[in-house]
Amino acid sequence: MSAQKGKDLLIRVSDGQNGFIAVAGLRARQIAFNAEAVDVTNADSAGRWRELLDGAGVRRAAISGAGVFRDEASDARLRQMFFDGTIGRFQIVVPAFGTIEGLFQISSLEYRGDHAGEVTYDMALDSAGALGFTAG
């Protein structure tokens, strides 16, 4: 993948009508994919080297971002999803890579503001089910 502009990575939330809308203006974003290994090493393992069980373990994705809200409706929607503990359908678009889509829960929502600046937020999403991937 060639170098891409960070602003081109998009996080969208379901509009409830089979579409997605962009979440507030994210200025910094990060995606992390993790898979836990299942160790099946035993007394018969060759040379006592660790062995892992293929295809086992828990997989998860964590998305985080920081920025400013586009409008009061965006702020209110994500804030309500957080306080309700709602699991919603999100879409993450990674340029020159593809689109990740699935259920996520907002696990962190933080607000901050400087005296002479706008109010900003940090948000973290954790996957809550199987994710789909469409190559870009």
N, C-alpha and C. Protein backbone atom coordinates (compact mmCIF):
# COMPACT_ATOMS: atom_id res chain seq x y z
N MET A 1 0.85 -1.17 0.00
CA MET A 1 0.00 0.00 0.00
C MET A 1 0.89 1.23 0.00
N SER A 2 0.63 2.17 -0.88
CA SER A 2 1.40 3.41 -0.92
C SER A 2 0.95 4.34 0.21
N ALA A 3 1.71 5.39 0.46
CA ALA A 3 1.37 6.34 1.52
C ALA A 3 0.02 6.97 1.23
N GLN A 4 -0.77 7.15 2.30
CA GLN A 4 -2.10 7.74 2.19
C GLN A 4 -2.25 8.87 3.17
N LYS A 5 -3.15 9.78 2.89
CA LYS A 5 -3.45 10.87 3.82
C LYS A 5 -4.25 10.31 4.98
N GLY A 6 -3.86 10.67 6.22
CA GLY A 6 -4.57 10.20 7.40
C GLY A 6 -6.02 10.62 7.40
N LYS A 7 -6.34 11.77 6.81
CA LYS A 7 -7.72 12.25 6.80
C LYS A 7 -8.62 11.39 5.94
N ASP A 8 -8.06 10.53 5.09
CA ASP A 8 -8.87 9.70 4.21
C ASP A 8 -9.42 8.45 4.89
N LEU A 9 -8.94 8.13 6.09
CA LEU A 9 -9.48 7.00 6.83
C LEU A 9 -10.79 7.46 7.45
N LEU A 10 -11.90 6.80 7.14
CA LEU A 10 -13.22 7.24 7.58
C LEU A 10 -13.85 6.24 8.53
N ILE A 11 -14.55 6.75 9.53
CA ILE A 11 -15.37 5.92 10.40
C ILE A 11 -16.81 6.38 10.22
N ARG A 12 -17.67 5.44 9.86
CA ARG A 12 -19.08 5.75 9.62
C ARG A 12 -19.95 4.90 10.53
N VAL A 13 -21.14 5.40 10.84
CA VAL A 13 -22.09 4.67 11.67
C VAL A 13 -23.37 4.48 10.85
N SER A 14 -24.06 3.38 11.10
CA SER A 14 -25.28 3.08 10.38
C SER A 14 -26.31 4.18 10.57
N ASP A 15 -27.01 4.51 9.49
CA ASP A 15 -28.08 5.51 9.59
C ASP A 15 -29.42 4.87 9.92
N GLY A 16 -29.42 3.53 10.11
CA GLY A 16 -30.64 2.81 10.45
C GLY A 16 -31.51 2.50 9.24
N GLN A 17 -31.06 2.88 8.05
CA GLN A 17 -31.84 2.64 6.83
C GLN A 17 -30.97 2.05 5.73
N ASN A 18 -30.11 1.10 6.08
CA ASN A 18 -29.21 0.40 5.14
C ASN A 18 -28.11 1.28 4.56
N GLY A 19 -27.85 2.42 5.18
CA GLY A 19 -26.77 3.29 4.74
C GLY A 19 -25.89 3.65 5.92
N PHE A 20 -24.86 4.47 5.66
CA PHE A 20 -23.94 4.90 6.69
C PHE A 20 -23.71 6.39 6.57
N ILE A 21 -23.45 7.04 7.71
CA ILE A 21 -23.09 8.45 7.71
C ILE A 21 -21.74 8.61 8.41
N ALA A 22 -20.95 9.55 7.92
CA ALA A 22 -19.63 9.79 8.51
C ALA A 22 -19.79 10.32 9.93
N VAL A 23 -18.97 9.80 10.83
CA VAL A 23 -18.97 10.27 12.21
C VAL A 23 -18.12 11.53 12.24
N ALA A 24 -18.44 12.41 13.13
CA ALA A 24 -17.77 13.70 13.32
C ALA A 24 -16.34 13.74 12.84
N GLY A 25 -15.87 14.93 12.50
CA GLY A 25 -14.55 15.14 11.92
C GLY A 25 -13.40 14.58 12.71
N LEU A 26 -12.97 13.39 12.35
CA LEU A 26 -11.85 12.76 13.03
C LEU A 26 -10.54 13.31 12.51
N ARG A 27 -9.67 13.71 13.43
CA ARG A 27 -8.36 14.25 13.04
C ARG A 27 -7.24 13.23 13.23
N ALA A 28 -7.44 12.28 14.13
CA ALA A 28 -6.45 11.22 14.37
C ALA A 28 -7.22 9.92 14.51
N ARG A 29 -6.73 8.84 13.90
CA ARG A 29 -7.44 7.56 13.91
C ARG A 29 -6.46 6.41 14.02
N GLN A 30 -6.96 5.29 14.52
CA GLN A 30 -6.11 4.10 14.61
C GLN A 30 -6.99 2.87 14.59
N ILE A 31 -6.52 1.83 13.91
CA ILE A 31 -7.20 0.54 13.87
C ILE A 31 -6.21 -0.51 14.34
N ALA A 32 -6.65 -1.38 15.25
CA ALA A 32 -5.78 -2.47 15.71
C ALA A 32 -6.56 -3.78 15.63
N PHE A 33 -5.95 -4.78 15.00
CA PHE A 33 -6.53 -6.12 14.94
C PHE A 33 -5.69 -7.01 15.84
N ASN A 34 -6.36 -7.82 16.64
CA ASN A 34 -5.66 -8.70 17.57
C ASN A 34 -6.27 -10.10 17.53
N ALA A 35 -5.44 -11.10 17.75
CA ALA A 35 -5.89 -12.49 17.85
C ALA A 35 -5.09 -13.16 18.96
N GLU A 36 -5.79 -13.78 19.86
CA GLU A 36 -5.12 -14.49 20.95
C GLU A 36 -4.65 -15.85 20.45
N ALA A 37 -3.49 -16.25 20.87
CA ALA A 37 -2.96 -17.57 20.52
C ALA A 37 -3.41 -18.59 21.56
N VAL A 38 -3.65 -19.81 21.10
CA VAL A 38 -3.99 -20.91 22.01
C VAL A 38 -2.81 -21.87 22.00
N ASP A 39 -2.12 -21.93 23.13
CA ASP A 39 -0.91 -22.75 23.28
C ASP A 39 -1.32 -24.20 23.54
N VAL A 40 -0.87 -25.12 22.66
CA VAL A 40 -1.16 -26.55 22.81
C VAL A 40 0.12 -27.36 22.98
N THR A 41 1.17 -26.69 23.43
CA THR A 41 2.45 -27.37 23.65
C THR A 41 2.26 -28.46 24.70
N ASN A 42 2.89 -29.60 24.47
CA ASN A 42 2.79 -30.71 25.43
C ASN A 42 4.12 -31.46 25.48
N ALA A 43 4.16 -32.52 26.26
CA ALA A 43 5.40 -33.28 26.45
C ALA A 43 5.92 -33.87 25.14
N ASP A 44 5.05 -34.09 24.16
CA ASP A 44 5.47 -34.67 22.89
C ASP A 44 5.85 -33.62 21.84
N SER A 45 5.80 -32.33 22.17
CA SER A 45 6.15 -31.27 21.22
C SER A 45 7.62 -31.39 20.83
N ALA A 46 7.88 -31.35 19.54
CA ALA A 46 9.25 -31.52 19.02
C ALA A 46 10.19 -30.49 19.61
N GLY A 47 11.24 -30.97 20.27
CA GLY A 47 12.25 -30.10 20.84
C GLY A 47 11.70 -29.14 21.89
N ARG A 48 10.54 -29.43 22.40
CA ARG A 48 9.84 -28.60 23.40
C ARG A 48 9.58 -27.18 22.88
N TRP A 49 9.44 -27.09 21.55
CA TRP A 49 9.07 -25.80 20.97
C TRP A 49 7.58 -25.58 21.15
N ARG A 50 7.22 -24.36 21.35
CA ARG A 50 5.80 -24.01 21.55
C ARG A 50 5.01 -24.34 20.29
N GLU A 51 3.81 -24.89 20.48
CA GLU A 51 2.90 -25.18 19.38
C GLU A 51 1.61 -24.40 19.62
N LEU A 52 1.04 -23.88 18.53
CA LEU A 52 -0.21 -23.13 18.62
C LEU A 52 -1.30 -23.84 17.84
N LEU A 53 -2.53 -23.72 18.31
CA LEU A 53 -3.68 -24.32 17.65
C LEU A 53 -4.13 -23.41 16.52
N ASP A 54 -4.10 -23.93 15.31
CA ASP A 54 -4.46 -23.16 14.12
C ASP A 54 -5.93 -22.74 14.16
N GLY A 55 -6.19 -21.46 13.90
CA GLY A 55 -7.55 -20.96 13.79
C GLY A 55 -8.29 -20.79 15.10
N ALA A 56 -7.63 -20.96 16.20
CA ALA A 56 -8.29 -20.83 17.50
C ALA A 56 -8.00 -19.47 18.11
N GLY A 57 -8.61 -19.17 19.22
CA GLY A 57 -8.37 -17.92 19.92
C GLY A 57 -9.40 -16.87 19.57
N VAL A 58 -9.45 -15.85 20.38
CA VAL A 58 -10.41 -14.77 20.21
C VAL A 58 -9.80 -13.69 19.32
N ARG A 59 -10.54 -13.27 18.31
CA ARG A 59 -10.11 -12.18 17.45
C ARG A 59 -10.93 -10.95 17.78
N ARG A 60 -10.29 -9.78 17.66
CA ARG A 60 -11.02 -8.54 17.93
C ARG A 60 -10.38 -7.39 17.18
N ALA A 61 -11.17 -6.34 17.02
CA ALA A 61 -10.67 -5.12 16.40
C ALA A 61 -10.97 -3.97 17.34
N ALA A 62 -10.05 -3.04 17.43
CA ALA A 62 -10.24 -1.84 18.24
C ALA A 62 -9.98 -0.63 17.35
N ILE A 63 -10.89 0.30 17.36
CA ILE A 63 -10.81 1.51 16.56
C ILE A 63 -10.78 2.69 17.53
N SER A 64 -9.91 3.65 17.28
CA SER A 64 -9.91 4.85 18.11
C SER A 64 -9.73 6.07 17.22
N GLY A 65 -10.25 7.19 17.69
CA GLY A 65 -10.14 8.41 16.92
C GLY A 65 -10.31 9.63 17.80
N ALA A 66 -9.86 10.75 17.32
CA ALA A 66 -10.00 12.02 18.03
C ALA A 66 -10.36 13.08 17.02
N GLY A 67 -11.15 14.06 17.45
CA GLY A 67 -11.51 15.13 16.52
C GLY A 67 -12.55 16.06 17.10
N VAL A 68 -13.35 16.61 16.20
CA VAL A 68 -14.43 17.52 16.59
C VAL A 68 -15.73 17.00 15.98
N PHE A 69 -16.84 17.24 16.66
CA PHE A 69 -18.13 16.83 16.14
C PHE A 69 -18.58 17.78 15.05
N ARG A 70 -19.23 17.23 14.02
CA ARG A 70 -19.73 18.04 12.91
C ARG A 70 -20.90 18.91 13.33
N ASP A 71 -21.74 18.37 14.22
CA ASP A 71 -22.92 19.12 14.65
C ASP A 71 -23.44 18.51 15.95
N GLU A 72 -24.44 19.15 16.52
CA GLU A 72 -25.00 18.67 17.79
C GLU A 72 -25.63 17.29 17.66
N ALA A 73 -26.21 17.00 16.49
CA ALA A 73 -26.86 15.70 16.28
C ALA A 73 -25.84 14.56 16.34
N SER A 74 -24.67 14.75 15.73
CA SER A 74 -23.62 13.72 15.77
C SER A 74 -23.16 13.48 17.20
N ASP A 75 -22.93 14.56 17.92
CA ASP A 75 -22.52 14.47 19.32
C ASP A 75 -23.57 13.73 20.13
N ALA A 76 -24.82 14.13 19.99
CA ALA A 76 -25.91 13.53 20.77
C ALA A 76 -26.07 12.04 20.45
N ARG A 77 -25.94 11.69 19.18
CA ARG A 77 -26.13 10.29 18.79
C ARG A 77 -25.07 9.38 19.39
N LEU A 78 -23.80 9.76 19.25
CA LEU A 78 -22.73 8.93 19.81
C LEU A 78 -22.75 8.92 21.33
N ARG A 79 -23.06 10.06 21.94
CA ARG A 79 -23.15 10.12 23.39
C ARG A 79 -24.25 9.19 23.89
N GLN A 80 -25.40 9.18 23.21
CA GLN A 80 -26.51 8.31 23.62
C GLN A 80 -26.15 6.85 23.43
N MET A 81 -25.46 6.54 22.32
CA MET A 81 -25.02 5.16 22.10
C MET A 81 -24.10 4.71 23.24
N PHE A 82 -23.21 5.61 23.68
CA PHE A 82 -22.30 5.26 24.77
C PHE A 82 -23.07 5.02 26.06
N PHE A 83 -23.94 5.96 26.47
CA PHE A 83 -24.65 5.83 27.74
C PHE A 83 -25.62 4.66 27.74
N ASP A 84 -26.18 4.32 26.58
CA ASP A 84 -27.09 3.17 26.50
C ASP A 84 -26.34 1.85 26.38
N GLY A 85 -25.03 1.92 26.10
CA GLY A 85 -24.26 0.70 25.89
C GLY A 85 -24.65 0.00 24.60
N THR A 86 -25.15 0.76 23.65
CA THR A 86 -25.64 0.22 22.38
C THR A 86 -24.50 -0.36 21.55
N ILE A 87 -24.79 -1.49 20.94
CA ILE A 87 -23.89 -2.06 19.95
C ILE A 87 -24.47 -1.68 18.60
N GLY A 88 -23.69 -0.95 17.81
CA GLY A 88 -24.18 -0.46 16.53
C GLY A 88 -23.32 -0.93 15.38
N ARG A 89 -23.86 -0.80 14.18
CA ARG A 89 -23.12 -1.19 12.98
C ARG A 89 -22.28 0.00 12.52
N PHE A 90 -20.98 -0.23 12.39
CA PHE A 90 -20.04 0.79 11.95
C PHE A 90 -19.33 0.30 10.69
N GLN A 91 -18.79 1.24 9.96
CA GLN A 91 -18.03 0.95 8.75
C GLN A 91 -16.74 1.76 8.83
N ILE A 92 -15.61 1.11 8.61
CA ILE A 92 -14.31 1.77 8.63
C ILE A 92 -13.72 1.64 7.24
N VAL A 93 -13.44 2.78 6.60
CA VAL A 93 -12.91 2.80 5.24
C VAL A 93 -11.43 3.16 5.31
N VAL A 94 -10.58 2.23 4.87
CA VAL A 94 -9.13 2.43 4.85
C VAL A 94 -8.72 2.57 3.39
N PRO A 95 -8.25 3.76 2.97
CA PRO A 95 -7.91 3.97 1.57
C PRO A 95 -6.85 2.98 1.07
N ALA A 96 -7.02 2.54 -0.16
CA ALA A 96 -6.11 1.60 -0.83
C ALA A 96 -5.99 0.27 -0.09
N PHE A 97 -6.92 -0.02 0.80
CA PHE A 97 -6.93 -1.28 1.54
C PHE A 97 -8.30 -1.92 1.44
N GLY A 98 -9.32 -1.23 1.96
CA GLY A 98 -10.67 -1.77 1.89
C GLY A 98 -11.57 -1.21 2.97
N THR A 99 -12.72 -1.86 3.13
CA THR A 99 -13.73 -1.43 4.09
C THR A 99 -14.01 -2.55 5.07
N ILE A 100 -13.97 -2.22 6.35
CA ILE A 100 -14.28 -3.16 7.42
C ILE A 100 -15.65 -2.76 7.95
N GLU A 101 -16.54 -3.73 8.07
CA GLU A 101 -17.90 -3.43 8.53
C GLU A 101 -18.33 -4.46 9.56
N GLY A 102 -19.01 -3.99 10.60
CA GLY A 102 -19.53 -4.90 11.60
C GLY A 102 -20.04 -4.17 12.81
N LEU A 103 -20.35 -4.96 13.83
CA LEU A 103 -20.89 -4.42 15.07
C LEU A 103 -19.77 -3.99 16.01
N PHE A 104 -19.94 -2.81 16.59
CA PHE A 104 -18.98 -2.26 17.53
C PHE A 104 -19.73 -1.60 18.68
N GLN A 105 -19.07 -1.51 19.82
CA GLN A 105 -19.59 -0.77 20.96
C GLN A 105 -18.61 0.35 21.28
N ILE A 106 -19.15 1.52 21.60
CA ILE A 106 -18.30 2.63 22.01
C ILE A 106 -17.82 2.34 23.43
N SER A 107 -16.54 2.08 23.59
CA SER A 107 -16.00 1.70 24.89
C SER A 107 -15.41 2.88 25.65
N SER A 108 -15.19 3.98 24.95
CA SER A 108 -14.64 5.17 25.60
C SER A 108 -15.09 6.39 24.82
N LEU A 109 -15.50 7.44 25.54
CA LEU A 109 -15.88 8.71 24.93
C LEU A 109 -15.42 9.81 25.87
N GLU A 110 -14.42 10.56 25.44
CA GLU A 110 -13.82 11.60 26.29
C GLU A 110 -13.92 12.94 25.60
N TYR A 111 -14.21 13.98 26.39
CA TYR A 111 -14.30 15.34 25.87
C TYR A 111 -13.21 16.19 26.52
N ARG A 112 -12.72 17.17 25.77
CA ARG A 112 -11.77 18.11 26.34
C ARG A 112 -11.85 19.42 25.55
N GLY A 113 -11.36 20.47 26.15
CA GLY A 113 -11.38 21.75 25.46
C GLY A 113 -10.32 22.68 26.04
N ASP A 114 -9.76 23.48 25.18
CA ASP A 114 -8.81 24.51 25.59
C ASP A 114 -9.55 25.84 25.69
N HIS A 115 -9.03 26.72 26.50
CA HIS A 115 -9.66 28.02 26.72
C HIS A 115 -9.92 28.77 25.41
N ALA A 116 -8.98 28.72 24.49
CA ALA A 116 -9.10 29.48 23.25
C ALA A 116 -9.36 28.57 22.04
N GLY A 117 -9.93 27.39 22.27
CA GLY A 117 -10.15 26.47 21.16
C GLY A 117 -11.48 25.76 21.24
N GLU A 118 -11.73 24.89 20.28
CA GLU A 118 -12.98 24.15 20.22
C GLU A 118 -12.95 22.96 21.18
N VAL A 119 -14.14 22.43 21.46
CA VAL A 119 -14.25 21.20 22.25
C VAL A 119 -13.90 20.05 21.32
N THR A 120 -13.05 19.15 21.77
CA THR A 120 -12.67 17.97 21.00
C THR A 120 -13.05 16.72 21.77
N TYR A 121 -12.98 15.57 21.11
CA TYR A 121 -13.31 14.32 21.76
C TYR A 121 -12.33 13.24 21.34
N ASP A 122 -12.24 12.20 22.17
CA ASP A 122 -11.55 10.96 21.84
C ASP A 122 -12.60 9.86 21.97
N MET A 123 -12.61 8.93 21.04
CA MET A 123 -13.58 7.85 21.05
C MET A 123 -12.88 6.54 20.75
N ALA A 124 -13.30 5.46 21.41
CA ALA A 124 -12.76 4.13 21.14
C ALA A 124 -13.92 3.18 20.90
N LEU A 125 -13.76 2.32 19.91
CA LEU A 125 -14.76 1.31 19.56
C LEU A 125 -14.12 -0.07 19.70
N ASP A 126 -14.89 -1.03 20.22
CA ASP A 126 -14.44 -2.41 20.29
C ASP A 126 -15.41 -3.29 19.51
N SER A 127 -14.88 -4.21 18.71
CA SER A 127 -15.73 -5.08 17.91
C SER A 127 -16.60 -5.94 18.81
N ALA A 128 -17.81 -6.23 18.30
CA ALA A 128 -18.80 -6.98 19.09
C ALA A 128 -19.38 -8.13 18.28
N GLY A 129 -18.62 -8.66 17.35
CA GLY A 129 -19.08 -9.76 16.52
C GLY A 129 -18.16 -9.91 15.33
N ALA A 130 -18.56 -10.80 14.43
CA ALA A 130 -17.75 -11.05 13.22
C ALA A 130 -17.73 -9.79 12.36
N LEU A 131 -16.58 -9.52 11.75
CA LEU A 131 -16.42 -8.37 10.87
C LEU A 131 -16.33 -8.82 9.42
N GLY A 132 -16.87 -8.01 8.53
CA GLY A 132 -16.74 -8.26 7.11
C GLY A 132 -15.68 -7.36 6.52
N PHE A 133 -15.06 -7.80 5.45
CA PHE A 133 -14.03 -7.02 4.79
C PHE A 133 -14.27 -7.03 3.29
N THR A 134 -14.24 -5.84 2.69
CA THR A 134 -14.34 -5.70 1.25
C THR A 134 -13.08 -4.99 0.78
N ALA A 135 -12.32 -5.63 -0.10
CA ALA A 135 -11.07 -5.03 -0.59
C ALA A 135 -11.36 -3.77 -1.37
N GLY A 136 -10.45 -2.77 -1.22
CA GLY A 136 -10.64 -1.47 -1.88
C GLY A 136 -10.07 -1.45 -3.27
